[in-house]
PDB file of N, CA and C in Angstrom:
ATOM      1  N   MET A   1       0.812  -1.194   0.000  1.00  0.00           N
ATOM      2  CA  MET A   1       0.000   0.000   0.000  1.00  0.00           C
ATOM      3  C   MET A   1       0.858   1.263   0.000  1.00  0.00           C
ATOM      4  N   ARG A   2       1.936   1.223   0.788  1.00  0.00           N
ATOM      5  CA  ARG A   2       2.834   2.386   0.831  1.00  0.00           C
ATOM      6  C   ARG A   2       3.486   2.625  -0.524  1.00  0.00           C
ATOM      7  N   LEU A   3       3.826   1.529  -1.207  1.00  0.00           N
ATOM      8  CA  LEU A   3       4.458   1.648  -2.520  1.00  0.00           C
ATOM      9  C   LEU A   3       3.512   2.297  -3.528  1.00  0.00           C
ATOM     10  N   ILE A   4       2.250   1.914  -3.481  1.00  0.00           N
ATOM     11  CA  ILE A   4       1.261   2.493  -4.403  1.00  0.00           C
ATOM     12  C   ILE A   4       1.098   3.987  -4.142  1.00  0.00           C
ATOM     13  N   LEU A   5       1.024   4.372  -2.872  1.00  0.00           N
ATOM     14  CA  LEU A   5       0.912   5.797  -2.539  1.00  0.00           C
ATOM     15  C   LEU A   5       2.154   6.572  -2.967  1.00  0.00           C
ATOM     16  N   ARG A   6       3.306   5.970  -2.796  1.00  0.00           N
ATOM     17  CA  ARG A   6       4.551   6.636  -3.186  1.00  0.00           C
ATOM     18  C   ARG A   6       4.625   6.826  -4.705  1.00  0.00           C
ATOM     19  N   VAL A   7       4.261   5.793  -5.457  1.00  0.00           N
ATOM     20  CA  VAL A   7       4.265   5.885  -6.922  1.00  0.00           C
ATOM     21  C   VAL A   7       3.237   6.914  -7.389  1.00  0.00           C
ATOM     22  N   ALA A   8       2.049   6.928  -6.757  1.00  0.00           N
ATOM     23  CA  ALA A   8       1.020   7.907  -7.124  1.00  0.00           C
ATOM     24  C   ALA A   8       1.489   9.331  -6.816  1.00  0.00           C
ATOM     25  N   GLY A   9       2.170   9.517  -5.688  1.00  0.00           N
ATOM     26  CA  GLY A   9       2.695  10.839  -5.335  1.00  0.00           C
ATOM     27  C   GLY A   9       3.755  11.311  -6.312  1.00  0.00           C
ATOM     28  N   ILE A  10       4.644  10.413  -6.706  1.00  0.00           N
ATOM     29  CA  ILE A  10       5.688  10.764  -7.678  1.00  0.00           C
ATOM     30  C   ILE A  10       5.071  11.098  -9.031  1.00  0.00           C
ATOM     31  N   ALA A  11       4.058  10.319  -9.437  1.00  0.00           N
ATOM     32  CA  ALA A  11       3.387  10.587 -10.715  1.00  0.00           C
ATOM     33  C   ALA A  11       2.670  11.937 -10.679  1.00  0.00           C
ATOM     34  N   LEU A  12       2.044  12.262  -9.556  1.00  0.00           N
ATOM     35  CA  LEU A  12       1.361  13.538  -9.416  1.00  0.00           C
ATOM     36  C   LEU A  12       2.345  14.707  -9.460  1.00  0.00           C
ATOM     37  N   LEU A  13       3.474  14.554  -8.791  1.00  0.00           N
ATOM     38  CA  LEU A  13       4.507  15.601  -8.836  1.00  0.00           C
ATOM     39  C   LEU A  13       5.083  15.766 -10.235  1.00  0.00           C
ATOM     40  N   ALA A  14       5.280  14.659 -10.940  1.00  0.00           N
ATOM     41  CA  ALA A  14       5.787  14.733 -12.311  1.00  0.00           C
ATOM     42  C   ALA A  14       4.790  15.443 -13.225  1.00  0.00           C
ATOM     43  N   LEU A  15       3.504  15.145 -13.063  1.00  0.00           N
ATOM     44  CA  LEU A  15       2.477  15.799 -13.874  1.00  0.00           C
ATOM     45  C   LEU A  15       2.392  17.290 -13.567  1.00  0.00           C
ATOM     46  N   ALA A  16       2.490  17.640 -12.276  1.00  0.00           N
ATOM     47  CA  ALA A  16       2.481  19.056 -11.890  1.00  0.00           C
ATOM     48  C   ALA A  16       3.711  19.775 -12.452  1.00  0.00           C
ATOM     49  N   GLY A  17       4.861  19.121 -12.403  1.00  0.00           N
ATOM     50  CA  GLY A  17       6.073  19.718 -12.978  1.00  0.00           C
ATOM     51  C   GLY A  17       5.965  19.909 -14.476  1.00  0.00           C
ATOM     52  N   LEU A  18       5.348  18.942 -15.164  1.00  0.00           N
ATOM     53  CA  LEU A  18       5.143  19.063 -16.606  1.00  0.00           C
ATOM     54  C   LEU A  18       4.224  20.233 -16.927  1.00  0.00           C
ATOM     55  N   TYR A  19       3.162  20.398 -16.131  1.00  0.00           N
ATOM     56  CA  TYR A  19       2.230  21.510 -16.360  1.00  0.00           C
ATOM     57  C   TYR A  19       2.916  22.854 -16.127  1.00  0.00           C
ATOM     58  N   VAL A  20       3.674  22.962 -15.055  1.00  0.00           N
ATOM     59  CA  VAL A  20       4.370  24.220 -14.751  1.00  0.00           C
ATOM     60  C   VAL A  20       5.395  24.529 -15.841  1.00  0.00           C
ATOM     61  N   GLY A  21       6.131  23.532 -16.295  1.00  0.00           N
ATOM     62  CA  GLY A  21       7.090  23.744 -17.376  1.00  0.00           C
ATOM     63  C   GLY A  21       6.412  24.159 -18.673  1.00  0.00           C
ATOM     64  N   ASP A  22       5.265  23.559 -18.960  1.00  0.00           N
ATOM     65  CA  ASP A  22       4.498  23.918 -20.151  1.00  0.00           C
ATOM     66  C   ASP A  22       4.005  25.358 -20.055  1.00  0.00           C
ATOM     67  N   TYR A  23       3.534  25.764 -18.880  1.00  0.00           N
ATOM     68  CA  TYR A  23       3.075  27.130 -18.676  1.00  0.00           C
ATOM     69  C   TYR A  23       4.214  28.130 -18.845  1.00  0.00           C
ATOM     70  N   LEU A  24       5.342  27.858 -18.214  1.00  0.00           N
ATOM     71  CA  LEU A  24       6.478  28.774 -18.312  1.00  0.00           C
ATOM     72  C   LEU A  24       6.979  28.873 -19.747  1.00  0.00           C
ATOM     73  N   SER A  25       6.948  27.754 -20.466  1.00  0.00           N
ATOM     74  CA  SER A  25       7.364  27.751 -21.861  1.00  0.00           C
ATOM     75  C   SER A  25       6.437  28.608 -22.716  1.00  0.00           C
ATOM     76  N   ALA A  26       5.136  28.526 -22.455  1.00  0.00           N
ATOM     77  CA  ALA A  26       4.181  29.319 -23.231  1.00  0.00           C
ATOM     78  C   ALA A  26       4.199  30.780 -22.803  1.00  0.00           C
ATOM     79  N   ARG A  27       4.281  31.030 -21.528  1.00  0.00           N
ATOM     80  CA  ARG A  27       4.210  32.402 -21.006  1.00  0.00           C
ATOM     81  C   ARG A  27       5.444  33.218 -21.357  1.00  0.00           C
ATOM     82  N   TYR A  28       6.612  32.614 -21.236  1.00  0.00           N
ATOM     83  CA  TYR A  28       7.855  33.361 -21.438  1.00  0.00           C
ATOM     84  C   TYR A  28       8.557  33.004 -22.740  1.00  0.00           C
ATOM     85  N   ARG A  29       7.836  32.332 -23.635  1.00  0.00           N
ATOM     86  CA  ARG A  29       8.323  32.011 -24.975  1.00  0.00           C
ATOM     87  C   ARG A  29       9.697  31.355 -24.943  1.00  0.00           C
ATOM     88  N   ILE A  30       9.727  30.187 -24.300  1.00  0.00           N
ATOM     89  CA  ILE A  30      10.955  29.400 -24.214  1.00  0.00           C
ATOM     90  C   ILE A  30      10.782  28.202 -25.136  1.00  0.00           C
ATOM     91  N   PRO A  31      11.587  27.957 -26.103  1.00  0.00           N
ATOM     92  CA  PRO A  31      12.714  28.738 -26.605  1.00  0.00           C
ATOM     93  C   PRO A  31      12.240  30.005 -27.318  1.00  0.00           C
ATOM     94  N   ALA A  32      13.124  30.964 -27.423  1.00  0.00           N
ATOM     95  CA  ALA A  32      12.761  32.299 -27.883  1.00  0.00           C
ATOM     96  C   ALA A  32      12.316  32.349 -29.344  1.00  0.00           C
ATOM     97  N   ASN A  33      12.730  31.398 -30.165  1.00  0.00           N
ATOM     98  CA  ASN A  33      12.428  31.478 -31.591  1.00  0.00           C
ATOM     99  C   ASN A  33      11.136  30.742 -31.964  1.00  0.00           C
ATOM    100  N   ARG A  34      10.341  30.303 -30.988  1.00  0.00           N
ATOM    101  CA  ARG A  34       9.151  29.525 -31.323  1.00  0.00           C
ATOM    102  C   ARG A  34       7.907  30.400 -31.286  1.00  0.00           C
ATOM    103  N   GLN A  35       6.971  30.083 -32.161  1.00  0.00           N
ATOM    104  CA  GLN A  35       5.677  30.757 -32.171  1.00  0.00           C
ATOM    105  C   GLN A  35       4.795  30.117 -31.105  1.00  0.00           C
ATOM    106  N   ILE A  36       4.189  30.912 -30.264  1.00  0.00           N
ATOM    107  CA  ILE A  36       3.353  30.385 -29.193  1.00  0.00           C
ATOM    108  C   ILE A  36       1.931  30.125 -29.680  1.00  0.00           C
ATOM    109  N   LEU A  37       1.397  31.049 -30.464  1.00  0.00           N
ATOM    110  CA  LEU A  37       0.020  30.924 -30.921  1.00  0.00           C
ATOM    111  C   LEU A  37      -0.038  30.441 -32.364  1.00  0.00           C
ATOM    112  N   GLY A  38      -1.058  29.667 -32.663  1.00  0.00           N
ATOM    113  CA  GLY A  38      -1.309  29.194 -34.018  1.00  0.00           C
ATOM    114  C   GLY A  38      -2.778  29.389 -34.335  1.00  0.00           C
ATOM    115  N   SER A  39      -3.222  28.857 -35.449  1.00  0.00           N
ATOM    116  CA  SER A  39      -4.634  28.953 -35.807  1.00  0.00           C
ATOM    117  C   SER A  39      -5.055  27.682 -36.530  1.00  0.00           C
ATOM    118  N   VAL A  40      -6.320  27.320 -36.351  1.00  0.00           N
ATOM    119  CA  VAL A  40      -6.888  26.121 -36.956  1.00  0.00           C
ATOM    120  C   VAL A  40      -8.243  26.495 -37.544  1.00  0.00           C
ATOM    121  N   GLN A  41      -8.536  25.992 -38.738  1.00  0.00           N
ATOM    122  CA  GLN A  41      -9.841  26.195 -39.367  1.00  0.00           C
ATOM    123  C   GLN A  41     -10.828  25.203 -38.747  1.00  0.00           C
ATOM    124  N   VAL A  42     -11.910  25.712 -38.161  1.00  0.00           N
ATOM    125  CA  VAL A  42     -12.916  24.877 -37.507  1.00  0.00           C
ATOM    126  C   VAL A  42     -14.227  25.004 -38.271  1.00  0.00           C
ATOM    127  N   ARG A  43     -14.778  23.852 -38.689  1.00  0.00           N
ATOM    128  CA  ARG A  43     -16.064  23.830 -39.393  1.00  0.00           C
ATOM    129  C   ARG A  43     -17.188  23.717 -38.379  1.00  0.00           C
ATOM    130  N   THR A  44     -18.301  24.393 -38.668  1.00  0.00           N
ATOM    131  CA  THR A  44     -19.481  24.309 -37.822  1.00  0.00           C
ATOM    132  C   THR A  44     -20.491  23.390 -38.494  1.00  0.00           C
ATOM    133  N   LEU A  45     -21.015  22.455 -37.721  1.00  0.00           N
ATOM    134  CA  LEU A  45     -22.016  21.516 -38.212  1.00  0.00           C
ATOM    135  C   LEU A  45     -23.257  21.674 -37.348  1.00  0.00           C
ATOM    136  N   TRP A  46     -24.353  22.138 -37.957  1.00  0.00           N
ATOM    137  CA  TRP A  46     -25.609  22.321 -37.247  1.00  0.00           C
ATOM    138  C   TRP A  46     -26.393  21.023 -37.296  1.00  0.00           C
ATOM    139  N   ALA A  47     -26.790  20.506 -36.139  1.00  0.00           N
ATOM    140  CA  ALA A  47     -27.620  19.305 -36.042  1.00  0.00           C
ATOM    141  C   ALA A  47     -28.983  19.737 -35.517  1.00  0.00           C
ATOM    142  N   VAL A  48     -29.989  19.746 -36.405  1.00  0.00           N
ATOM    143  CA  VAL A  48     -31.324  20.202 -36.046  1.00  0.00           C
ATOM    144  C   VAL A  48     -32.207  18.973 -35.837  1.00  0.00           C
ATOM    145  N   ARG A  49     -32.763  18.845 -34.637  1.00  0.00           N
ATOM    146  CA  ARG A  49     -33.638  17.713 -34.334  1.00  0.00           C
ATOM    147  C   ARG A  49     -35.008  17.970 -34.958  1.00  0.00           C
ATOM    148  N   MET A  50     -35.450  17.005 -35.748  1.00  0.00           N
ATOM    149  CA  MET A  50     -36.745  17.101 -36.413  1.00  0.00           C
ATOM    150  C   MET A  50     -37.840  16.593 -35.466  1.00  0.00           C
ATOM    151  N   LYS A  51     -39.095  16.766 -35.858  1.00  0.00           N
ATOM    152  CA  LYS A  51     -40.211  16.323 -35.024  1.00  0.00           C
ATOM    153  C   LYS A  51     -40.215  14.813 -34.804  1.00  0.00           C
ATOM    154  N   ASN A  52     -39.709  14.050 -35.774  1.00  0.00           N
ATOM    155  CA  ASN A  52     -39.700  12.592 -35.643  1.00  0.00           C
ATOM    156  C   ASN A  52     -38.504  12.084 -34.830  1.00  0.00           C
ATOM    157  N   GLY A  53     -37.689  12.978 -34.282  1.00  0.00           N
ATOM    158  CA  GLY A  53     -36.568  12.584 -33.447  1.00  0.00           C
ATOM    159  C   GLY A  53     -35.251  12.446 -34.184  1.00  0.00           C
ATOM    160  N   ARG A  54     -35.282  12.453 -35.492  1.00  0.00           N
ATOM    161  CA  ARG A  54     -34.040  12.356 -36.267  1.00  0.00           C
ATOM    162  C   ARG A  54     -33.384  13.724 -36.381  1.00  0.00           C
ATOM    163  N   PHE A  55     -32.115  13.692 -36.784  1.00  0.00           N
ATOM    164  CA  PHE A  55     -31.377  14.939 -36.951  1.00  0.00           C
ATOM    165  C   PHE A  55     -31.197  15.258 -38.422  1.00  0.00           C
ATOM    166  N   GLU A  56     -31.300  16.536 -38.734  1.00  0.00           N
ATOM    167  CA  GLU A  56     -30.962  17.019 -40.070  1.00  0.00           C
ATOM    168  C   GLU A  56     -29.710  17.873 -39.903  1.00  0.00           C
ATOM    169  N   TYR A  57     -28.689  17.572 -40.692  1.00  0.00           N
ATOM    170  CA  TYR A  57     -27.403  18.254 -40.567  1.00  0.00           C
ATOM    171  C   TYR A  57     -27.227  19.271 -41.683  1.00  0.00           C
ATOM    172  N   SER A  58     -26.655  20.414 -41.329  1.00  0.00           N
ATOM    173  CA  SER A  58     -26.301  21.397 -42.342  1.00  0.00           C
ATOM    174  C   SER A  58     -24.981  22.044 -41.937  1.00  0.00           C
ATOM    175  N   LEU A  59     -24.165  22.332 -42.930  1.00  0.00           N
ATOM    176  CA  LEU A  59     -22.855  22.933 -42.682  1.00  0.00           C
ATOM    177  C   LEU A  59     -22.988  24.422 -42.446  1.00  0.00           C
ATOM    178  N   GLY A  60     -22.283  24.893 -41.469  1.00  0.00           N
ATOM    179  CA  GLY A  60     -22.229  26.319 -41.188  1.00  0.00           C
ATOM    180  C   GLY A  60     -20.950  26.904 -41.747  1.00  0.00           C
ATOM    181  N   ASP A  61     -20.608  28.057 -41.266  1.00  0.00           N
ATOM    182  CA  ASP A  61     -19.404  28.738 -41.726  1.00  0.00           C
ATOM    183  C   ASP A  61     -18.155  28.102 -41.115  1.00  0.00           C
ATOM    184  N   THR A  62     -17.046  28.284 -41.801  1.00  0.00           N
ATOM    185  CA  THR A  62     -15.750  27.868 -41.286  1.00  0.00           C
ATOM    186  C   THR A  62     -15.134  29.056 -40.564  1.00  0.00           C
ATOM    187  N   GLU A  63     -14.666  28.820 -39.342  1.00  0.00           N
ATOM    188  CA  GLU A  63     -14.069  29.873 -38.532  1.00  0.00           C
ATOM    189  C   GLU A  63     -12.598  29.564 -38.287  1.00  0.00           C
ATOM    190  N   THR A  64     -11.815  30.592 -38.130  1.00  0.00           N
ATOM    191  CA  THR A  64     -10.421  30.427 -37.736  1.00  0.00           C
ATOM    192  C   THR A  64     -10.343  30.645 -36.234  1.00  0.00           C
ATOM    193  N   GLN A  65      -9.886  29.622 -35.509  1.00  0.00           N
ATOM    194  CA  GLN A  65      -9.745  29.741 -34.065  1.00  0.00           C
ATOM    195  C   GLN A  65      -8.275  29.799 -33.697  1.00  0.00           C
ATOM    196  N   ILE A  66      -7.968  30.673 -32.766  1.00  0.00           N
ATOM    197  CA  ILE A  66      -6.610  30.816 -32.256  1.00  0.00           C
ATOM    198  C   ILE A  66      -6.358  29.684 -31.250  1.00  0.00           C
ATOM    199  N   CYS A  67      -5.174  29.109 -31.306  1.00  0.00           N
ATOM    200  CA  CYS A  67      -4.807  28.030 -30.388  1.00  0.00           C
ATOM    201  C   CYS A  67      -3.379  28.269 -29.896  1.00  0.00           C
ATOM    202  N   VAL A  68      -3.019  27.576 -28.837  1.00  0.00           N
ATOM    203  CA  VAL A  68      -1.683  27.700 -28.260  1.00  0.00           C
ATOM    204  C   VAL A  68      -0.913  26.413 -28.548  1.00  0.00           C
ATOM    205  N   ARG A  69       0.352  26.552 -28.873  1.00  0.00           N
ATOM    206  CA  ARG A  69       1.199  25.395 -29.156  1.00  0.00           C
ATOM    207  C   ARG A  69       1.837  24.918 -27.857  1.00  0.00           C
ATOM    208  N   SER A  70       1.065  24.125 -27.125  1.00  0.00           N
ATOM    209  CA  SER A  70       1.534  23.568 -25.850  1.00  0.00           C
ATOM    210  C   SER A  70       0.783  22.270 -25.596  1.00  0.00           C
ATOM    211  N   LEU A  71       1.158  21.570 -24.536  1.00  0.00           N
ATOM    212  CA  LEU A  71       0.503  20.309 -24.205  1.00  0.00           C
ATOM    213  C   LEU A  71      -0.846  20.515 -23.531  1.00  0.00           C
ATOM    214  N   PHE A  72      -0.935  21.542 -22.694  1.00  0.00           N
ATOM    215  CA  PHE A  72      -2.132  21.807 -21.910  1.00  0.00           C
ATOM    216  C   PHE A  72      -2.742  23.137 -22.344  1.00  0.00           C
ATOM    217  N   PRO A  73      -4.022  23.375 -22.043  1.00  0.00           N
ATOM    218  CA  PRO A  73      -4.599  24.699 -22.319  1.00  0.00           C
ATOM    219  C   PRO A  73      -3.855  25.757 -21.513  1.00  0.00           C
ATOM    220  N   GLN A  74      -3.361  26.770 -22.191  1.00  0.00           N
ATOM    221  CA  GLN A  74      -2.614  27.846 -21.546  1.00  0.00           C
ATOM    222  C   GLN A  74      -3.082  29.178 -22.114  1.00  0.00           C
ATOM    223  N   LEU A  75      -2.975  30.221 -21.320  1.00  0.00           N
ATOM    224  CA  LEU A  75      -3.252  31.596 -21.744  1.00  0.00           C
ATOM    225  C   LEU A  75      -4.672  31.770 -22.269  1.00  0.00           C
ATOM    226  N   GLY A  76      -5.590  30.909 -21.880  1.00  0.00           N
ATOM    227  CA  GLY A  76      -6.981  31.020 -22.311  1.00  0.00           C
ATOM    228  C   GLY A  76      -7.283  30.403 -23.662  1.00  0.00           C
ATOM    229  N   TYR A  77      -6.346  29.668 -24.240  1.00  0.00           N
ATOM    230  CA  TYR A  77      -6.538  29.055 -25.555  1.00  0.00           C
ATOM    231  C   TYR A  77      -6.469  27.529 -25.459  1.00  0.00           C
ATOM    232  N   THR A  78      -7.126  26.885 -26.416  1.00  0.00           N
ATOM    233  CA  THR A  78      -7.087  25.436 -26.540  1.00  0.00           C
ATOM    234  C   THR A  78      -5.775  25.041 -27.216  1.00  0.00           C
ATOM    235  N   PRO A  79      -5.155  23.924 -26.846  1.00  0.00           N
ATOM    236  CA  PRO A  79      -3.929  23.488 -27.526  1.00  0.00           C
ATOM    237  C   PRO A  79      -4.192  23.179 -29.000  1.00  0.00           C
ATOM    238  N   CYS A  80      -3.243  23.518 -29.849  1.00  0.00           N
ATOM    239  CA  CYS A  80      -3.393  23.297 -31.296  1.00  0.00           C
ATOM    240  C   CYS A  80      -3.531  21.817 -31.631  1.00  0.00           C
ATOM    241  N   TRP A  81      -2.813  20.938 -30.922  1.00  0.00           N
ATOM    242  CA  TRP A  81      -2.908  19.509 -31.216  1.00  0.00           C
ATOM    243  C   TRP A  81      -4.328  19.003 -30.969  1.00  0.00           C
ATOM    244  N   TYR A  82      -4.997  19.517 -29.958  1.00  0.00           N
ATOM    245  CA  TYR A  82      -6.367  19.085 -29.665  1.00  0.00           C
ATOM    246  C   TYR A  82      -7.351  19.676 -30.666  1.00  0.00           C
ATOM    247  N   LEU A  83      -7.184  20.953 -30.959  1.00  0.00           N
ATOM    248  CA  LEU A  83      -8.111  21.627 -31.863  1.00  0.00           C
ATOM    249  C   LEU A  83      -8.012  21.084 -33.284  1.00  0.00           C
ATOM    250  N   SER A  84      -6.828  20.698 -33.720  1.00  0.00           N
ATOM    251  CA  SER A  84      -6.687  20.150 -35.066  1.00  0.00           C
ATOM    252  C   SER A  84      -7.326  18.769 -35.177  1.00  0.00           C
ATOM    253  N   ARG A  85      -7.412  18.035 -34.076  1.00  0.00           N
ATOM    254  CA  ARG A  85      -8.072  16.727 -34.085  1.00  0.00           C
ATOM    255  C   ARG A  85      -9.583  16.837 -33.897  1.00  0.00           C
ATOM    256  N   HIS A  86     -10.052  17.987 -33.438  1.00  0.00           N
ATOM    257  CA  HIS A  86     -11.481  18.240 -33.249  1.00  0.00           C
ATOM    258  C   HIS A  86     -11.862  19.484 -34.057  1.00  0.00           C
ATOM    259  N   ALA A  87     -11.649  19.420 -35.353  1.00  0.00           N
ATOM    260  CA  ALA A  87     -11.830  20.584 -36.214  1.00  0.00           C
ATOM    261  C   ALA A  87     -13.273  20.774 -36.680  1.00  0.00           C
ATOM    262  N   THR A  88     -14.188  19.944 -36.203  1.00  0.00           N
ATOM    263  CA  THR A  88     -15.597  20.119 -36.523  1.00  0.00           C
ATOM    264  C   THR A  88     -16.356  20.357 -35.224  1.00  0.00           C
ATOM    265  N   ARG A  89     -17.039  21.490 -35.142  1.00  0.00           N
ATOM    266  CA  ARG A  89     -17.830  21.824 -33.961  1.00  0.00           C
ATOM    267  C   ARG A  89     -19.286  21.535 -34.283  1.00  0.00           C
ATOM    268  N   ARG A  90     -19.892  20.627 -33.525  1.00  0.00           N
ATOM    269  CA  ARG A  90     -21.286  20.236 -33.739  1.00  0.00           C
ATOM    270  C   ARG A  90     -22.163  21.020 -32.778  1.00  0.00           C
ATOM    271  N   ILE A  91     -23.150  21.729 -33.327  1.00  0.00           N
ATOM    272  CA  ILE A  91     -24.090  22.491 -32.519  1.00  0.00           C
ATOM    273  C   ILE A  91     -25.454  21.855 -32.703  1.00  0.00           C
ATOM    274  N   GLU A  92     -25.991  21.344 -31.599  1.00  0.00           N
ATOM    275  CA  GLU A  92     -27.270  20.655 -31.641  1.00  0.00           C
ATOM    276  C   GLU A  92     -28.389  21.624 -31.282  1.00  0.00           C
ATOM    277  N   VAL A  93     -29.387  21.697 -32.151  1.00  0.00           N
ATOM    278  CA  VAL A  93     -30.529  22.566 -31.932  1.00  0.00           C
ATOM    279  C   VAL A  93     -31.753  21.675 -31.820  1.00  0.00           C
ATOM    280  N   SER A  94     -32.464  21.776 -30.698  1.00  0.00           N
ATOM    281  CA  SER A  94     -33.678  20.986 -30.542  1.00  0.00           C
ATOM    282  C   SER A  94     -34.798  21.896 -30.072  1.00  0.00           C
ATOM    283  N   ARG A  95     -35.989  21.496 -30.355  1.00  0.00           N
ATOM    284  CA  ARG A  95     -37.147  22.298 -30.002  1.00  0.00           C
ATOM    285  C   ARG A  95     -37.822  21.668 -28.781  1.00  0.00           C
ATOM    286  N   ALA A  96     -37.945  22.473 -27.712  1.00  0.00           N
ATOM    287  CA  ALA A  96     -38.643  22.027 -26.511  1.00  0.00           C
ATOM    288  C   ALA A  96     -39.783  23.015 -26.263  1.00  0.00           C
ATOM    289  N   GLY A  97     -40.969  22.715 -26.753  1.00  0.00           N
ATOM    290  CA  GLY A  97     -42.078  23.659 -26.677  1.00  0.00           C
ATOM    291  C   GLY A  97     -41.821  24.825 -27.594  1.00  0.00           C
ATOM    292  N   ALA A  98     -41.861  26.034 -27.069  1.00  0.00           N
ATOM    293  CA  ALA A  98     -41.596  27.214 -27.887  1.00  0.00           C
ATOM    294  C   ALA A  98     -40.159  27.671 -27.768  1.00  0.00           C
ATOM    295  N   ASP A  99     -39.405  27.077 -26.837  1.00  0.00           N
ATOM    296  CA  ASP A  99     -38.008  27.478 -26.618  1.00  0.00           C
ATOM    297  C   ASP A  99     -37.087  26.677 -27.532  1.00  0.00           C
ATOM    298  N   VAL A 100     -36.002  27.301 -27.934  1.00  0.00           N
ATOM    299  CA  VAL A 100     -34.977  26.621 -28.711  1.00  0.00           C
ATOM    300  C   VAL A 100     -33.786  26.381 -27.795  1.00  0.00           C
ATOM    301  N   VAL A 101     -33.317  25.138 -27.748  1.00  0.00           N
ATOM    302  CA  VAL A 101     -32.218  24.760 -26.871  1.00  0.00           C
ATOM    303  C   VAL A 101     -30.987  24.515 -27.729  1.00  0.00           C
ATOM    304  N   LEU A 102     -29.868  25.160 -27.404  1.00  0.00           N
ATOM    305  CA  LEU A 102     -28.614  24.974 -28.121  1.00  0.00           C
ATOM    306  C   LEU A 102     -27.650  24.206 -27.239  1.00  0.00           C
ATOM    307  N   ALA A 103     -26.983  23.223 -27.818  1.00  0.00           N
ATOM    308  CA  ALA A 103     -25.956  22.466 -27.098  1.00  0.00           C
ATOM    309  C   ALA A 103     -24.759  22.332 -28.015  1.00  0.00           C
ATOM    310  N   ALA A 104     -23.688  23.018 -27.709  1.00  0.00           N
ATOM    311  CA  ALA A 104     -22.487  22.959 -28.553  1.00  0.00           C
ATOM    312  C   ALA A 104     -21.549  21.896 -28.017  1.00  0.00           C
ATOM    313  N   THR A 105     -21.049  21.032 -28.914  1.00  0.00           N
ATOM    314  CA  THR A 105     -20.080  20.009 -28.550  1.00  0.00           C
ATOM    315  C   THR A 105     -18.926  20.056 -29.523  1.00  0.00           C
ATOM    316  N   HIS A 106     -17.783  19.643 -29.034  1.00  0.00           N
ATOM    317  CA  HIS A 106     -16.606  19.544 -29.923  1.00  0.00           C
ATOM    318  C   HIS A 106     -16.404  18.129 -30.311  1.00  0.00           C
TER     319      HIS A 106
END
């Protein structure tokens, strides 16, 4: 039991150190010649729920989203590696009585 706690503590410290290093790298531009921010084209896909329960899909506009080149979300931006793998944003629109409910998912 002690060994498991010790390994978990070391893993937690390593993860915290990785996050702090990632933050310092993004915040202070280490190394100096690297670009911190990038951009990814994100497509919008509207999913409209029909009366019979099925969805009708229509393509929306393509947007350019700013992202950060790091492992974790930093400086208020999503990491570029994550955003490039989730380049389609699905927005679900369903009708509940007279109200329209929007649910955005990546």
